[in-house]
């Protein structure tokens, strides 16, 4: 109850900041601590994850599954990810964490369940296709000195981001089974849907 209450008091929407106390950490720090706990107590962590709800446990569940992928059983983790997806766990951070978990499992030379790969594909193609004309480059004035070198925008962009973690996981999973035809089909389909 204490763990669940902590996540309910500091929900995913709070991000890095505590909703009431400026000096305390937010949900990100809480989720990171839970992931460390999961490494030491995997069975207990999975029991708790099964009690999380989409409103307050997506980030923590994703971080924990990613951490558990270093040593835990692939089938159990992917079954958990599939079950959470069916319960409405579909935030960007949850999706990215599951994709990174898949990559970690593949690095351990473990097979990834086809149901999990189908869900990764559904996440990848959940957005509407981008109109073809948006791919055309437009002439822009040179970036100012304070602009980001690669994008021409001020500030910072995180890389990899967007759909990349899911694409990478799917490509690696399909190549692990030498399913090159599916990889090519997947990439062609992705390029017609890509947001960025």
Protein backbone atom coordinates (compact mmCIF):
# COMPACT_ATOMS: atom_id res chain seq x y z
CA UNK A 1 0.00 0.00 0.00
CA UNK A 2 2.82 2.39 0.80
CA UNK A 3 4.40 1.90 -2.63
CA UNK A 4 1.10 2.32 -4.47
CA UNK A 5 0.24 5.39 -2.40
CA UNK A 6 3.62 6.92 -3.22
CA UNK A 7 2.91 6.60 -6.94
CA UNK A 8 -0.63 7.89 -6.52
CA UNK A 9 0.62 10.94 -4.59
CA UNK A 10 3.37 11.57 -7.15
CA UNK A 11 1.77 10.45 -10.45
CA UNK A 12 3.47 10.15 -13.83
CA UNK A 13 2.18 13.59 -14.82
CA UNK A 14 4.39 15.24 -12.17
CA UNK A 15 7.52 14.40 -14.15
CA UNK A 16 10.72 15.55 -12.44
CA UNK A 17 8.94 17.76 -9.90
CA UNK A 18 7.12 16.81 -6.73
CA UNK A 19 3.53 18.10 -6.99
CA UNK A 20 3.63 19.77 -3.54
CA UNK A 21 7.24 20.07 -2.37
CA UNK A 22 9.71 21.93 -4.58
CA UNK A 23 12.81 20.44 -2.92
CA UNK A 24 11.71 16.81 -3.28
CA UNK A 25 12.02 14.63 -6.34
CA UNK A 26 9.11 13.83 -8.63
CA UNK A 27 7.83 10.75 -10.38
CA UNK A 28 10.94 10.29 -12.51
CA UNK A 29 13.14 9.87 -9.44
CA UNK A 30 10.53 7.63 -7.79
CA UNK A 31 10.37 5.44 -10.92
CA UNK A 32 14.16 5.22 -11.07
CA UNK A 33 14.28 4.09 -7.43
CA UNK A 34 11.59 1.50 -8.15
CA UNK A 35 13.64 0.16 -11.09
CA UNK A 36 16.63 -0.29 -8.75
CA UNK A 37 14.35 -2.08 -6.28
CA UNK A 38 13.13 -4.34 -9.13
CA UNK A 39 16.68 -5.51 -9.84
CA UNK A 40 17.08 -6.67 -6.24
CA UNK A 41 13.53 -7.99 -5.73
CA UNK A 42 12.15 -8.97 -9.15
CA UNK A 43 9.24 -11.12 -7.95
CA UNK A 44 8.00 -8.47 -5.53
CA UNK A 45 8.42 -5.73 -8.13
CA UNK A 46 6.37 -7.67 -10.69
CA UNK A 47 3.62 -8.20 -8.11
CA UNK A 48 3.54 -4.44 -7.53
CA UNK A 49 3.63 -3.61 -11.24
CA UNK A 50 0.52 -5.75 -11.71
CA UNK A 51 -1.27 -3.39 -9.28
CA UNK A 52 -0.21 -0.19 -11.08
CA UNK A 53 -2.76 1.70 -13.15
CA UNK A 54 -2.23 3.74 -16.33
CA UNK A 55 -2.81 6.96 -14.33
CA UNK A 56 0.04 6.40 -11.89
CA UNK A 57 2.34 3.57 -12.85
CA UNK A 58 3.36 3.67 -16.49
CA UNK A 59 6.79 5.25 -16.11
CA UNK A 60 7.71 3.03 -13.13
CA UNK A 61 6.47 -0.15 -14.85
CA UNK A 62 8.46 0.67 -17.98
CA UNK A 63 11.65 1.53 -16.09
CA UNK A 64 11.36 -1.65 -14.00
CA UNK A 65 10.75 -3.94 -17.00
CA UNK A 66 13.73 -2.36 -18.75
CA UNK A 67 15.90 -2.96 -15.66
CA UNK A 68 14.65 -6.54 -15.27
CA UNK A 69 15.51 -7.30 -18.90
CA UNK A 70 19.17 -7.49 -17.88
CA UNK A 71 18.63 -10.79 -16.01
CA UNK A 72 14.98 -11.85 -15.88
CA UNK A 73 13.06 -14.36 -18.01
CA UNK A 74 12.12 -12.96 -21.41
CA UNK A 75 8.74 -14.70 -21.63
CA UNK A 76 7.61 -13.42 -18.22
CA UNK A 77 8.64 -9.84 -19.01
CA UNK A 78 7.03 -9.75 -22.43
CA UNK A 79 3.83 -11.33 -21.07
CA UNK A 80 3.77 -8.59 -18.43
CA UNK A 81 4.33 -5.88 -21.07
CA UNK A 82 1.51 -7.31 -23.23
CA UNK A 83 -0.86 -7.45 -20.23
CA UNK A 84 -0.05 -3.85 -19.28
CA UNK A 85 -0.59 -2.70 -22.86
CA UNK A 86 -4.03 -4.30 -22.85
CA UNK A 87 -4.83 -2.43 -19.63
CA UNK A 88 -4.04 0.92 -21.26
CA UNK A 89 -0.32 1.40 -20.60
CA UNK A 90 0.71 3.28 -23.74
CA UNK A 91 2.56 6.44 -22.68
CA UNK A 92 5.62 7.44 -24.71
CA UNK A 93 7.98 6.62 -21.83
CA UNK A 94 6.40 3.22 -21.25
CA UNK A 95 6.67 2.41 -24.96
CA UNK A 96 10.32 3.52 -25.12
CA UNK A 97 11.19 1.48 -22.01
CA UNK A 98 9.59 -1.67 -23.44
CA UNK A 99 11.48 -1.15 -26.70
CA UNK A 100 14.77 -0.82 -24.79
CA UNK A 101 13.85 -3.93 -22.77
CA UNK A 102 13.40 -5.87 -26.02
CA UNK A 103 16.85 -4.75 -27.17
CA UNK A 104 18.38 -5.87 -23.85
CA UNK A 105 16.74 -9.28 -24.18
CA UNK A 106 18.07 -9.61 -27.73
CA UNK A 107 21.55 -8.66 -26.52
CA UNK A 108 21.25 -11.65 -24.15
CA UNK A 109 20.42 -13.80 -27.20
CA UNK A 110 16.88 -14.45 -25.95
CA UNK A 111 13.88 -14.81 -28.25
CA UNK A 112 11.15 -12.20 -27.96
CA UNK A 113 7.52 -13.31 -28.01
CA UNK A 114 5.63 -12.59 -31.26
CA UNK A 115 2.72 -11.02 -29.33
CA UNK A 116 5.12 -8.46 -27.88
CA UNK A 117 6.53 -7.69 -31.33
CA UNK A 118 3.01 -7.22 -32.73
CA UNK A 119 2.29 -4.74 -29.94
CA UNK A 120 5.52 -2.87 -30.73
CA UNK A 121 4.36 -2.64 -34.35
CA UNK A 122 0.94 -1.38 -33.27
CA UNK A 123 2.67 1.34 -31.21
CA UNK A 124 4.81 2.28 -34.17
CA UNK A 125 1.85 2.70 -36.51
CA UNK A 126 -0.59 4.28 -34.05
CA UNK A 127 -0.21 7.68 -35.67
CA UNK A 128 -1.65 8.88 -38.94
CA UNK A 129 0.65 8.80 -41.99
CA UNK A 130 2.51 11.99 -42.76
CA UNK A 131 1.45 13.64 -46.06
CA UNK A 132 4.13 13.08 -48.70
CA UNK A 133 4.76 16.78 -49.28
CA UNK A 134 6.09 17.19 -45.73
CA UNK A 135 9.18 15.22 -46.77
CA UNK A 136 10.18 17.89 -49.28
CA UNK A 137 12.97 20.12 -48.08
CA UNK A 138 12.34 23.82 -48.01
CA UNK A 139 15.03 26.43 -48.35
CA UNK A 140 15.73 28.05 -45.03
CA UNK A 141 17.95 30.88 -44.03
CA UNK A 142 21.17 29.73 -42.35
CA UNK A 143 20.80 29.11 -38.61
CA UNK A 144 21.93 31.79 -36.22
CA UNK A 145 24.98 31.11 -34.08
CA UNK A 146 22.82 30.22 -31.07
CA UNK A 147 20.82 27.59 -33.01
CA UNK A 148 21.22 23.86 -32.66
CA UNK A 149 23.62 22.74 -35.38
CA UNK A 150 21.66 19.76 -36.71
CA UNK A 151 18.10 21.05 -36.65
CA UNK A 152 18.47 24.79 -36.91
CA UNK A 153 16.39 25.17 -33.74
CA UNK A 154 17.43 26.71 -30.49
CA UNK A 155 17.76 24.44 -27.50
CA UNK A 156 18.26 20.73 -27.32
CA UNK A 157 16.76 17.61 -28.88
CA UNK A 158 17.17 14.17 -27.31
CA UNK A 159 18.48 11.48 -29.63
CA UNK A 160 17.34 8.77 -30.03
CA UNK A 161 13.76 9.84 -29.55
CA UNK A 162 10.38 9.69 -31.23
CA UNK A 163 9.69 6.37 -32.91
CA UNK A 164 13.37 5.42 -33.14
CA UNK A 165 13.55 3.14 -30.04
CA UNK A 166 10.59 1.08 -31.30
CA UNK A 167 11.91 0.89 -34.88
CA UNK A 168 15.33 -0.15 -33.61
CA UNK A 169 13.89 -2.88 -31.35
CA UNK A 170 11.69 -4.27 -34.13
CA UNK A 171 14.49 -4.30 -36.69
CA UNK A 172 16.87 -6.03 -34.27
CA UNK A 173 14.22 -8.60 -33.28
CA UNK A 174 13.38 -9.44 -36.89
CA UNK A 175 17.04 -9.60 -37.92
CA UNK A 176 17.71 -11.95 -34.98
CA UNK A 177 15.42 -14.45 -36.70
CA UNK A 178 16.91 -13.59 -40.11
CA UNK A 179 13.55 -12.27 -41.30
CA UNK A 180 15.01 -9.72 -43.71
CA UNK A 181 11.88 -9.50 -45.87
CA UNK A 182 9.81 -8.40 -42.87
CA UNK A 183 12.46 -5.82 -41.93
CA UNK A 184 12.33 -4.28 -45.41
CA UNK A 185 8.52 -4.27 -45.38
CA UNK A 186 8.52 -2.75 -41.88
CA UNK A 187 10.93 0.04 -42.82
CA UNK A 188 9.00 0.89 -46.00
CA UNK A 189 5.77 1.07 -44.02
CA UNK A 190 7.44 3.10 -41.30
CA UNK A 191 8.81 5.67 -43.75
CA UNK A 192 5.31 6.26 -45.07
CA UNK A 193 4.04 6.87 -41.51
CA UNK A 194 7.05 8.54 -39.91
CA UNK A 195 6.36 11.70 -37.95
CA UNK A 196 10.02 12.77 -38.03
